[in-house]
Structure formats: structure tokens, C-alpha cells
Amino acid sequence: MILLIGSNGQLGQEFKKLFNNYNIKYLAVDHKELDISNENEIKKFFELNNKFDIIINCAAYNEVDKGEEERMMAIKVNTYGALELSKCAKKINAIYVTYSTDFVFDGEKTEPYTEEDIPNPLSEYGKSKADGEKLVLENYEKTYIIRTSWLFGIGGNNFNKQVINWSKSKNILNIADDLVSVPTYAKDLAYFSWKLIQTGKFGLYHITNSGVASKYEQAKYILEKIKYIHIINRDIYLINNTIFFHILLAFFYFTNL
């Protein structure tokens, strides 16, 4: 039996479709059933539900900008929530899968990041994810940590949907052109994550689609598809009153499957 946490998000919804297609038994829970920011709630949940072979954690705090002000919430979910789930997985000897981000890097590297590169996060969100990775890997060997970037899909909120919503009310859009990474389709991430889980080769992995784009390029592509006729300007990315130039947050290529 699989426990799917964060099942109503972009990735969680794709996992549900995948498992339904393959007739795989799973229990899907979201924030209302299991709030991973609350360690006591996690413990109580597993006292009543512990017949799992695999635990897949798709829940996360991923508000990059708000994370500068909501640092403790990011830590509760991305660091200690991920760790507590790891501890519960270890107790019942279940495989544990959790997700991380390209924001664990500083973007100074001029070629694709690998799993061997040392994290150096610049944001509170990135720090919470990097700390979570470290603690989870130290805690339990039967773990997959999968870093990805710029997730988009049919379910949930994402940058593509934000751009479309902005286009409905604004005649001028200013989009960051110094943020560069790999947009990744949630359906593909779920599929290749499942293939990886079945290998039994635990550890830290990077999985994204191929290709590279800036936020500006991604938005421009979307706006062209919906025939947006107004102005789109190149902008720079501001966080906590600091300008991040060329914040190349990871070209990830996954070639081991």
C-alpha cells in the first residue's frame, strides 16, 4: 500500500492518475487529513495508519517570495515535516520519497548542476529545503530525494496559470528575465519518479524535462499561445530588497532510467 501525501497538488494529482491507471492501491491524503507542519499530528496519523510499503510526500511550502517573511512555516513543512515523515517511514520500514528544488543552489554555476554539487541556497525557502534534504538523508537510508524545477501541470497553481490570470487584467506585464531553469511537467515527473522508486537505488536525484528557459521566455511562449496582444517587458527578480542577477537555478538532466 502507498501513502500519497499532498494528493491534491499538481504532482499529487498526477500520481493519483498514474496509480489508478496501473490499478495500484494507495491512500491519498491532503492538508485536511494530514498537516505536515504539525509534528504531533504526523505522529498521531501514523499511530492509526501504519500499513504502508511506500510513503510519497508531495506536500511542501513553496511560496518562494513569502518564505522570506514566513520563514518558520517554510521550516515547519520543508525541514521538520519532511524529517518527521522520514522517521515514521523508518519505524514501519517503508520506502520514503520526498521532493526538493533547484532553489537549494545559488545559480553561480554556468553549466548543469549535478547531485554532487554542494547546495548554497539564497532564499529562506531554499534553505528550508536544503536543510530538509540533509536531515532526511542522515535519518533513513531507504529514501529517495528528488529535486525538480518549475513544476507545472493541470492541477494546482503554477507560473503558467499565473501568467494567464495576469493577462486577463493587465495591459503591461513585467516578467523576470534573469531567472533561468527547466520547466517540468508534473505528469512526467510522477511517471519517472515511479520508475525510479522501482529500481531500489535510494539516494538523491535530479529529475526534470529537457530544455531551458527564463521566466520571461516561458511567459512569452504562453502569451503567444493565448494571443495576448499587449506589452510584455523583461524585468529582474527582487527578493528581500536584493537583486539576484543571473540566478541560474539549476539545469537538471536525469539520464539514469
C-alpha atoms as a PDB file:
ATOM      1  CA  MET A   1       0.000   0.000   0.000  1.00  0.00           C
ATOM      2  CA  ILE A   2       1.213   3.501  -0.892  1.00  0.00           C
ATOM      3  CA  LEU A   3       0.602   6.608   1.203  1.00  0.00           C
ATOM      4  CA  LEU A   4       0.368   9.688  -1.040  1.00  0.00           C
ATOM      5  CA  ILE A   5       0.727  12.926   0.934  1.00  0.00           C
ATOM      6  CA  GLY A   6      -0.214  16.251  -0.647  1.00  0.00           C
ATOM      7  CA  SER A   7      -2.503  14.438  -3.047  1.00  0.00           C
ATOM      8  CA  ASN A   8      -4.441  17.488  -4.258  1.00  0.00           C
ATOM      9  CA  GLY A   9      -1.418  19.390  -5.540  1.00  0.00           C
ATOM     10  CA  GLN A  10      -0.065  19.318  -9.074  1.00  0.00           C
ATOM     11  CA  LEU A  11       2.196  16.338  -8.540  1.00  0.00           C
ATOM     12  CA  GLY A  12      -0.168  14.520  -6.200  1.00  0.00           C
ATOM     13  CA  GLN A  13      -2.958  14.636  -8.748  1.00  0.00           C
ATOM     14  CA  GLU A  14      -0.702  13.134 -11.408  1.00  0.00           C
ATOM     15  CA  PHE A  15       0.333  10.341  -9.054  1.00  0.00           C
ATOM     16  CA  LYS A  16      -3.336   9.524  -8.428  1.00  0.00           C
ATOM     17  CA  LYS A  17      -3.960   9.273 -12.170  1.00  0.00           C
ATOM     18  CA  LEU A  18      -0.877   7.087 -12.579  1.00  0.00           C
ATOM     19  CA  PHE A  19      -1.826   4.731  -9.757  1.00  0.00           C
ATOM     20  CA  ASN A  20      -5.396   4.481 -10.994  1.00  0.00           C
ATOM     21  CA  ASN A  21      -4.172   3.599 -14.487  1.00  0.00           C
ATOM     22  CA  TYR A  22      -1.944   0.840 -13.108  1.00  0.00           C
ATOM     23  CA  ASN A  23      -4.507  -0.351 -10.537  1.00  0.00           C
ATOM     24  CA  ILE A  24      -2.071   0.371  -7.700  1.00  0.00           C
ATOM     25  CA  LYS A  25      -3.556   0.575  -4.203  1.00  0.00           C
ATOM     26  CA  TYR A  26      -2.923   3.849  -2.398  1.00  0.00           C
ATOM     27  CA  LEU A  27      -4.267   6.109   0.316  1.00  0.00           C
ATOM     28  CA  ALA A  28      -4.393   9.762  -0.731  1.00  0.00           C
ATOM     29  CA  VAL A  29      -4.302  12.460   1.951  1.00  0.00           C
ATOM     30  CA  ASP A  30      -4.034  16.212   1.732  1.00  0.00           C
ATOM     31  CA  HIS A  31      -3.664  19.065   4.200  1.00  0.00           C
ATOM     32  CA  LYS A  32      -7.053  18.485   5.830  1.00  0.00           C
ATOM     33  CA  GLU A  33      -6.232  14.850   6.589  1.00  0.00           C
ATOM     34  CA  LEU A  34      -2.543  15.334   7.402  1.00  0.00           C
ATOM     35  CA  ASP A  35      -0.913  18.693   8.129  1.00  0.00           C
ATOM     36  CA  ILE A  36       2.815  18.018   7.919  1.00  0.00           C
ATOM     37  CA  SER A  37       3.647  21.336   9.581  1.00  0.00           C
ATOM     38  CA  ASN A  38       2.419  19.739  12.813  1.00  0.00           C
ATOM     39  CA  GLU A  39       4.759  17.025  14.129  1.00  0.00           C
ATOM     40  CA  ASN A  40       2.251  15.773  16.696  1.00  0.00           C
ATOM     41  CA  GLU A  41      -0.397  15.396  14.005  1.00  0.00           C
ATOM     42  CA  ILE A  42       2.036  13.342  11.900  1.00  0.00           C
ATOM     43  CA  LYS A  43       2.759  11.050  14.857  1.00  0.00           C
ATOM     44  CA  LYS A  44      -0.930  10.576  15.633  1.00  0.00           C
ATOM     45  CA  PHE A  45      -1.698   9.813  11.986  1.00  0.00           C
ATOM     46  CA  PHE A  46       0.880   7.031  11.870  1.00  0.00           C
ATOM     47  CA  GLU A  47      -0.293   5.577  15.172  1.00  0.00           C
ATOM     48  CA  LEU A  48      -3.586   4.838  13.399  1.00  0.00           C
ATOM     49  CA  ASN A  49      -2.249   4.271   9.863  1.00  0.00           C
ATOM     50  CA  ASN A  50       0.955   2.281   9.529  1.00  0.00           C
ATOM     51  CA  LYS A  51       0.427  -0.417   6.908  1.00  0.00           C
ATOM     52  CA  PHE A  52       2.387   1.264   4.138  1.00  0.00           C
ATOM     53  CA  ASP A  53       5.171  -0.031   1.922  1.00  0.00           C
ATOM     54  CA  ILE A  54       5.890   3.335   0.274  1.00  0.00           C
ATOM     55  CA  ILE A  55       5.341   6.891   1.506  1.00  0.00           C
ATOM     56  CA  ILE A  56       5.401   9.615  -1.165  1.00  0.00           C
ATOM     57  CA  ASN A  57       5.486  13.162   0.173  1.00  0.00           C
ATOM     58  CA  CYS A  58       4.271  15.706  -2.378  1.00  0.00           C
ATOM     59  CA  ALA A  59       3.353  18.272   0.281  1.00  0.00           C
ATOM     60  CA  ALA A  60       5.540  21.354   0.550  1.00  0.00           C
ATOM     61  CA  TYR A  61       5.702  25.014   1.407  1.00  0.00           C
ATOM     62  CA  ASN A  62       6.777  26.509  -1.922  1.00  0.00           C
ATOM     63  CA  GLU A  63       5.985  30.224  -1.683  1.00  0.00           C
ATOM     64  CA  VAL A  64       9.464  31.465  -2.566  1.00  0.00           C
ATOM     65  CA  ASP A  65       8.838  35.171  -2.010  1.00  0.00           C
ATOM     66  CA  LYS A  66       6.540  34.820   1.020  1.00  0.00           C
ATOM     67  CA  GLY A  67       9.088  32.482   2.555  1.00  0.00           C
ATOM     68  CA  GLU A  68      11.265  35.487   3.377  1.00  0.00           C
ATOM     69  CA  GLU A  69       8.561  36.635   5.825  1.00  0.00           C
ATOM     70  CA  GLU A  70       7.107  33.217   6.660  1.00  0.00           C
ATOM     71  CA  ARG A  71      10.412  31.546   7.415  1.00  0.00           C
ATOM     72  CA  MET A  72       9.111  29.433  10.296  1.00  0.00           C
ATOM     73  CA  MET A  73       6.281  27.964   8.240  1.00  0.00           C
ATOM     74  CA  ALA A  74       8.733  27.001   5.489  1.00  0.00           C
ATOM     75  CA  ILE A  75      10.935  25.306   8.098  1.00  0.00           C
ATOM     76  CA  LYS A  76       7.999  23.509   9.746  1.00  0.00           C
ATOM     77  CA  VAL A  77       6.885  21.980   6.446  1.00  0.00           C
ATOM     78  CA  ASN A  78      10.012  21.612   4.313  1.00  0.00           C
ATOM     79  CA  THR A  79      12.544  20.804   7.037  1.00  0.00           C
ATOM     80  CA  TYR A  80      10.907  19.264  10.080  1.00  0.00           C
ATOM     81  CA  GLY A  81       7.760  17.998   8.376  1.00  0.00           C
ATOM     82  CA  ALA A  82       9.854  16.112   5.830  1.00  0.00           C
ATOM     83  CA  LEU A  83      12.082  14.789   8.613  1.00  0.00           C
ATOM     84  CA  GLU A  84       9.191  13.596  10.795  1.00  0.00           C
ATOM     85  CA  LEU A  85       7.700  11.717   7.852  1.00  0.00           C
ATOM     86  CA  SER A  86      11.106  10.139   7.334  1.00  0.00           C
ATOM     87  CA  LYS A  87      11.190   8.994  10.952  1.00  0.00           C
ATOM     88  CA  CYS A  88       7.717   7.467  10.626  1.00  0.00           C
ATOM     89  CA  ALA A  89       8.728   5.700   7.407  1.00  0.00           C
ATOM     90  CA  LYS A  90      11.782   4.292   9.158  1.00  0.00           C
ATOM     91  CA  LYS A  91       9.680   2.935  12.020  1.00  0.00           C
ATOM     92  CA  ILE A  92       7.499   0.907   9.663  1.00  0.00           C
ATOM     93  CA  ASN A  93      10.318   0.109   7.191  1.00  0.00           C
ATOM     94  CA  ALA A  94       8.555   1.875   4.319  1.00  0.00           C
ATOM     95  CA  ILE A  95      10.342   3.407   1.340  1.00  0.00           C
ATOM     96  CA  TYR A  96      10.279   7.190   1.686  1.00  0.00           C
ATOM     97  CA  VAL A  97      10.071   9.607  -1.250  1.00  0.00           C
ATOM     98  CA  THR A  98      10.143  13.379  -0.905  1.00  0.00           C
ATOM     99  CA  TYR A  99      10.789  16.302  -3.246  1.00  0.00           C
ATOM    100  CA  SER A 100      13.160  19.226  -3.291  1.00  0.00           C
ATOM    101  CA  THR A 101      14.059  22.092  -5.557  1.00  0.00           C
ATOM    102  CA  ASP A 102      16.623  23.866  -7.707  1.00  0.00           C
ATOM    103  CA  PHE A 103      16.461  26.698  -5.171  1.00  0.00           C
ATOM    104  CA  VAL A 104      18.954  24.812  -2.992  1.00  0.00           C
ATOM    105  CA  PHE A 105      21.632  26.236  -5.339  1.00  0.00           C
ATOM    106  CA  ASP A 106      22.876  29.806  -5.719  1.00  0.00           C
ATOM    107  CA  GLY A 107      22.832  29.863  -9.529  1.00  0.00           C
ATOM    108  CA  GLU A 108      26.506  30.808  -9.890  1.00  0.00           C
ATOM    109  CA  LYS A 109      27.411  27.680 -11.835  1.00  0.00           C
ATOM    110  CA  THR A 110      27.461  28.133 -15.618  1.00  0.00           C
ATOM    111  CA  GLU A 111      26.717  24.523 -16.519  1.00  0.00           C
ATOM    112  CA  PRO A 112      24.121  21.986 -15.376  1.00  0.00           C
ATOM    113  CA  TYR A 113      24.037  21.190 -11.676  1.00  0.00           C
ATOM    114  CA  THR A 114      24.581  17.590 -10.619  1.00  0.00           C
ATOM    115  CA  GLU A 115      23.664  15.697  -7.472  1.00  0.00           C
ATOM    116  CA  GLU A 116      27.300  16.052  -6.333  1.00  0.00           C
ATOM    117  CA  ASP A 117      27.192  19.863  -6.288  1.00  0.00           C
ATOM    118  CA  ILE A 118      27.115  21.453  -2.836  1.00  0.00           C
ATOM    119  CA  PRO A 119      23.909  23.380  -2.049  1.00  0.00           C
ATOM    120  CA  ASN A 120      24.162  27.083  -1.313  1.00  0.00           C
ATOM    121  CA  PRO A 121      20.603  28.442  -1.094  1.00  0.00           C
ATOM    122  CA  LEU A 122      19.991  32.177  -1.245  1.00  0.00           C
ATOM    123  CA  SER A 123      16.366  32.254  -0.082  1.00  0.00           C
ATOM    124  CA  GLU A 124      14.669  31.102   3.113  1.00  0.00           C
ATOM    125  CA  TYR A 125      12.618  28.705   1.003  1.00  0.00           C
ATOM    126  CA  GLY A 126      15.775  27.203  -0.482  1.00  0.00           C
ATOM    127  CA  LYS A 127      17.389  26.941   2.953  1.00  0.00           C
ATOM    128  CA  SER A 128      14.371  25.106   4.361  1.00  0.00           C
ATOM    129  CA  LYS A 129      14.541  22.597   1.513  1.00  0.00           C
ATOM    130  CA  ALA A 130      18.315  22.114   1.733  1.00  0.00           C
ATOM    131  CA  ASP A 131      18.131  21.555   5.494  1.00  0.00           C
ATOM    132  CA  GLY A 132      15.306  19.076   4.995  1.00  0.00           C
ATOM    133  CA  GLU A 133      17.348  17.127   2.447  1.00  0.00           C
ATOM    134  CA  LYS A 134      20.302  16.858   4.808  1.00  0.00           C
ATOM    135  CA  LEU A 135      18.284  15.718   7.811  1.00  0.00           C
ATOM    136  CA  VAL A 136      16.235  13.181   5.850  1.00  0.00           C
ATOM    137  CA  LEU A 137      19.286  11.598   4.209  1.00  0.00           C
ATOM    138  CA  GLU A 138      21.029  11.365   7.579  1.00  0.00           C
ATOM    139  CA  ASN A 139      17.969   9.793   9.186  1.00  0.00           C
ATOM    140  CA  TYR A 140      16.962   6.995   6.823  1.00  0.00           C
ATOM    141  CA  GLU A 141      18.759   5.072   4.093  1.00  0.00           C
ATOM    142  CA  LYS A 142      15.625   3.835   2.269  1.00  0.00           C
ATOM    143  CA  THR A 143      14.961   7.316   0.921  1.00  0.00           C
ATOM    144  CA  TYR A 144      14.592   8.984  -2.449  1.00  0.00           C
ATOM    145  CA  ILE A 145      15.008  12.748  -2.531  1.00  0.00           C
ATOM    146  CA  ILE A 146      14.064  14.091  -5.942  1.00  0.00           C
ATOM    147  CA  ARG A 147      14.984  17.635  -6.882  1.00  0.00           C
ATOM    148  CA  THR A 148      12.976  19.213  -9.678  1.00  0.00           C
ATOM    149  CA  SER A 149      12.317  22.694 -11.041  1.00  0.00           C
ATOM    150  CA  TRP A 150       9.475  24.966 -12.132  1.00  0.00           C
ATOM    151  CA  LEU A 151       6.732  22.400 -11.908  1.00  0.00           C
ATOM    152  CA  PHE A 152       3.583  22.911 -13.944  1.00  0.00           C
ATOM    153  CA  GLY A 153       0.521  20.791 -14.558  1.00  0.00           C
ATOM    154  CA  ILE A 154      -3.232  20.717 -14.897  1.00  0.00           C
ATOM    155  CA  GLY A 155      -3.954  20.661 -11.169  1.00  0.00           C
ATOM    156  CA  GLY A 156      -2.991  23.262  -8.605  1.00  0.00           C
ATOM    157  CA  ASN A 157      -1.402  26.664  -9.090  1.00  0.00           C
ATOM    158  CA  ASN A 158       1.725  27.347 -11.138  1.00  0.00           C
ATOM    159  CA  PHE A 159       3.530  30.056 -13.074  1.00  0.00           C
ATOM    160  CA  ASN A 160       1.742  29.251 -16.348  1.00  0.00           C
ATOM    161  CA  LYS A 161      -1.654  29.781 -14.731  1.00  0.00           C
ATOM    162  CA  GLN A 162      -0.443  32.959 -13.027  1.00  0.00           C
ATOM    163  CA  VAL A 163       0.638  34.402 -16.369  1.00  0.00           C
ATOM    164  CA  ILE A 164      -2.746  33.621 -17.913  1.00  0.00           C
ATOM    165  CA  ASN A 165      -4.537  35.237 -14.978  1.00  0.00           C
ATOM    166  CA  TRP A 166      -2.313  38.331 -15.166  1.00  0.00           C
ATOM    167  CA  SER A 167      -3.037  38.656 -18.876  1.00  0.00           C
ATOM    168  CA  LYS A 168      -6.764  38.981 -18.178  1.00  0.00           C
ATOM    169  CA  SER A 169      -6.385  42.138 -16.122  1.00  0.00           C
ATOM    170  CA  LYS A 170      -3.137  43.814 -17.210  1.00  0.00           C
ATOM    171  CA  ASN A 171      -2.080  45.529 -20.422  1.00  0.00           C
ATOM    172  CA  ILE A 172       1.587  45.539 -19.413  1.00  0.00           C
ATOM    173  CA  LEU A 173       3.366  42.532 -17.875  1.00  0.00           C
ATOM    174  CA  ASN A 174       6.865  42.736 -16.358  1.00  0.00           C
ATOM    175  CA  ILE A 175       8.447  39.274 -16.225  1.00  0.00           C
ATOM    176  CA  ALA A 176      11.871  38.355 -14.812  1.00  0.00           C
ATOM    177  CA  ASP A 177      14.421  37.513 -17.497  1.00  0.00           C
ATOM    178  CA  ASP A 178      17.290  36.690 -15.105  1.00  0.00           C
ATOM    179  CA  LEU A 179      15.613  33.601 -13.626  1.00  0.00           C
ATOM    180  CA  VAL A 180      16.587  30.616 -15.747  1.00  0.00           C
ATOM    181  CA  SER A 181      15.738  26.949 -15.215  1.00  0.00           C
ATOM    182  CA  VAL A 182      13.863  23.960 -16.633  1.00  0.00           C
ATOM    183  CA  PRO A 183      10.046  23.957 -16.656  1.00  0.00           C
ATOM    184  CA  THR A 184       8.911  20.443 -15.683  1.00  0.00           C
ATOM    185  CA  TYR A 185       5.579  18.790 -16.440  1.00  0.00           C
ATOM    186  CA  ALA A 186       4.025  17.206 -13.346  1.00  0.00           C
ATOM    187  CA  LYS A 187       2.760  14.192 -15.305  1.00  0.00           C
ATOM    188  CA  ASP A 188       6.292  13.391 -16.486  1.00  0.00           C
ATOM    189  CA  LEU A 189       7.732  13.877 -13.020  1.00  0.00           C
ATOM    190  CA  ALA A 190       5.228  11.456 -11.494  1.00  0.00           C
ATOM    191  CA  TYR A 191       5.910   8.833 -14.176  1.00  0.00           C
ATOM    192  CA  PHE A 192       9.709   8.940 -13.941  1.00  0.00           C
ATOM    193  CA  SER A 193       9.599   9.166 -10.151  1.00  0.00           C
ATOM    194  CA  TRP A 194       7.615   5.930 -10.123  1.00  0.00           C
ATOM    195  CA  LYS A 195      10.153   4.285 -12.435  1.00  0.00           C
ATOM    196  CA  LEU A 196      12.947   5.408 -10.105  1.00  0.00           C
ATOM    197  CA  ILE A 197      11.176   4.128  -6.985  1.00  0.00           C
ATOM    198  CA  GLN A 198      11.013   0.661  -8.509  1.00  0.00           C
ATOM    199  CA  THR A 199      14.799   0.480  -9.002  1.00  0.00           C
ATOM    200  CA  GLY A 200      15.598   0.234  -5.276  1.00  0.00           C
ATOM    201  CA  LYS A 201      18.549   2.588  -5.828  1.00  0.00           C
ATOM    202  CA  PHE A 202      17.995   5.015  -2.980  1.00  0.00           C
ATOM    203  CA  GLY A 203      19.551   8.449  -2.779  1.00  0.00           C
ATOM    204  CA  LEU A 204      19.422  11.967  -4.173  1.00  0.00           C
ATOM    205  CA  TYR A 205      18.293  12.539  -7.764  1.00  0.00           C
ATOM    206  CA  HIS A 206      17.545  15.345 -10.201  1.00  0.00           C
ATOM    207  CA  ILE A 207      14.521  14.866 -12.466  1.00  0.00           C
ATOM    208  CA  THR A 208      13.224  17.484 -14.907  1.00  0.00           C
ATOM    209  CA  ASN A 209      12.191  17.758 -18.505  1.00  0.00           C
ATOM    210  CA  SER A 210      14.805  18.844 -21.037  1.00  0.00           C
ATOM    211  CA  GLY A 211      15.278  22.364 -22.363  1.00  0.00           C
ATOM    212  CA  VAL A 212      15.986  25.655 -20.635  1.00  0.00           C
ATOM    213  CA  ALA A 213      14.007  28.897 -20.375  1.00  0.00           C
ATOM    214  CA  SER A 214      13.877  32.126 -18.433  1.00  0.00           C
ATOM    215  CA  LYS A 215      10.651  33.174 -16.768  1.00  0.00           C
ATOM    216  CA  TYR A 216      10.321  35.812 -19.473  1.00  0.00           C
ATOM    217  CA  GLU A 217      10.720  33.246 -22.253  1.00  0.00           C
ATOM    218  CA  GLN A 218       8.261  30.887 -20.610  1.00  0.00           C
ATOM    219  CA  ALA A 219       5.689  33.655 -20.159  1.00  0.00           C
ATOM    220  CA  LYS A 220       6.194  34.937 -23.712  1.00  0.00           C
ATOM    221  CA  TYR A 221       5.531  31.441 -25.085  1.00  0.00           C
ATOM    222  CA  ILE A 222       2.327  31.104 -23.056  1.00  0.00           C
ATOM    223  CA  LEU A 223       1.104  34.585 -24.001  1.00  0.00           C
ATOM    224  CA  GLU A 224       1.721  33.922 -27.682  1.00  0.00           C
ATOM    225  CA  LYS A 225      -0.357  30.742 -27.428  1.00  0.00           C
ATOM    226  CA  ILE A 226      -3.318  32.616 -25.922  1.00  0.00           C
ATOM    227  CA  LYS A 227      -2.830  35.517 -28.392  1.00  0.00           C
ATOM    228  CA  TYR A 228      -2.078  38.196 -25.802  1.00  0.00           C
ATOM    229  CA  ILE A 229      -1.805  41.458 -27.735  1.00  0.00           C
ATOM    230  CA  HIS A 230      -0.437  43.806 -25.070  1.00  0.00           C
ATOM    231  CA  ILE A 231       3.065  44.564 -23.762  1.00  0.00           C
ATOM    232  CA  ILE A 232       5.445  42.135 -22.021  1.00  0.00           C
ATOM    233  CA  ASN A 233       8.644  43.631 -20.603  1.00  0.00           C
ATOM    234  CA  ARG A 234      11.867  41.996 -19.443  1.00  0.00           C
ATOM    235  CA  ASP A 235      12.443  42.523 -15.731  1.00  0.00           C
ATOM    236  CA  ILE A 236      14.802  41.491 -12.921  1.00  0.00           C
ATOM    237  CA  TYR A 237      13.930  39.371  -9.898  1.00  0.00           C
ATOM    238  CA  LEU A 238      13.722  41.042  -6.485  1.00  0.00           C
ATOM    239  CA  ILE A 239      13.610  39.201  -3.183  1.00  0.00           C
ATOM    240  CA  ASN A 240      14.030  40.761   0.249  1.00  0.00           C
ATOM    241  CA  ASN A 241      15.193  44.007  -1.431  1.00  0.00           C
ATOM    242  CA  THR A 242      18.136  42.212  -3.037  1.00  0.00           C
ATOM    243  CA  ILE A 243      18.617  41.921  -6.785  1.00  0.00           C
ATOM    244  CA  PHE A 244      19.587  38.420  -7.937  1.00  0.00           C
ATOM    245  CA  PHE A 245      21.246  38.685 -11.326  1.00  0.00           C
ATOM    246  CA  HIS A 246      21.659  35.527 -13.422  1.00  0.00           C
ATOM    247  CA  ILE A 247      20.177  33.304 -10.756  1.00  0.00           C
ATOM    248  CA  LEU A 248      20.609  30.140 -12.802  1.00  0.00           C
ATOM    249  CA  LEU A 249      18.657  27.821 -10.577  1.00  0.00           C
ATOM    250  CA  ALA A 250      19.762  24.519 -11.998  1.00  0.00           C
ATOM    251  CA  PHE A 251      19.661  22.822 -15.351  1.00  0.00           C
ATOM    252  CA  PHE A 252      18.751  19.296 -14.251  1.00  0.00           C
ATOM    253  CA  TYR A 253      19.023  16.352 -16.601  1.00  0.00           C
ATOM    254  CA  PHE A 254      18.019  12.881 -15.490  1.00  0.00           C
ATOM    255  CA  THR A 255      19.577  10.113 -17.557  1.00  0.00           C
ATOM    256  CA  ASN A 256      19.759   7.069 -15.277  1.00  0.00           C
ATOM    257  CA  LEU A 257      16.416   5.418 -16.092  1.00  0.00           C
END
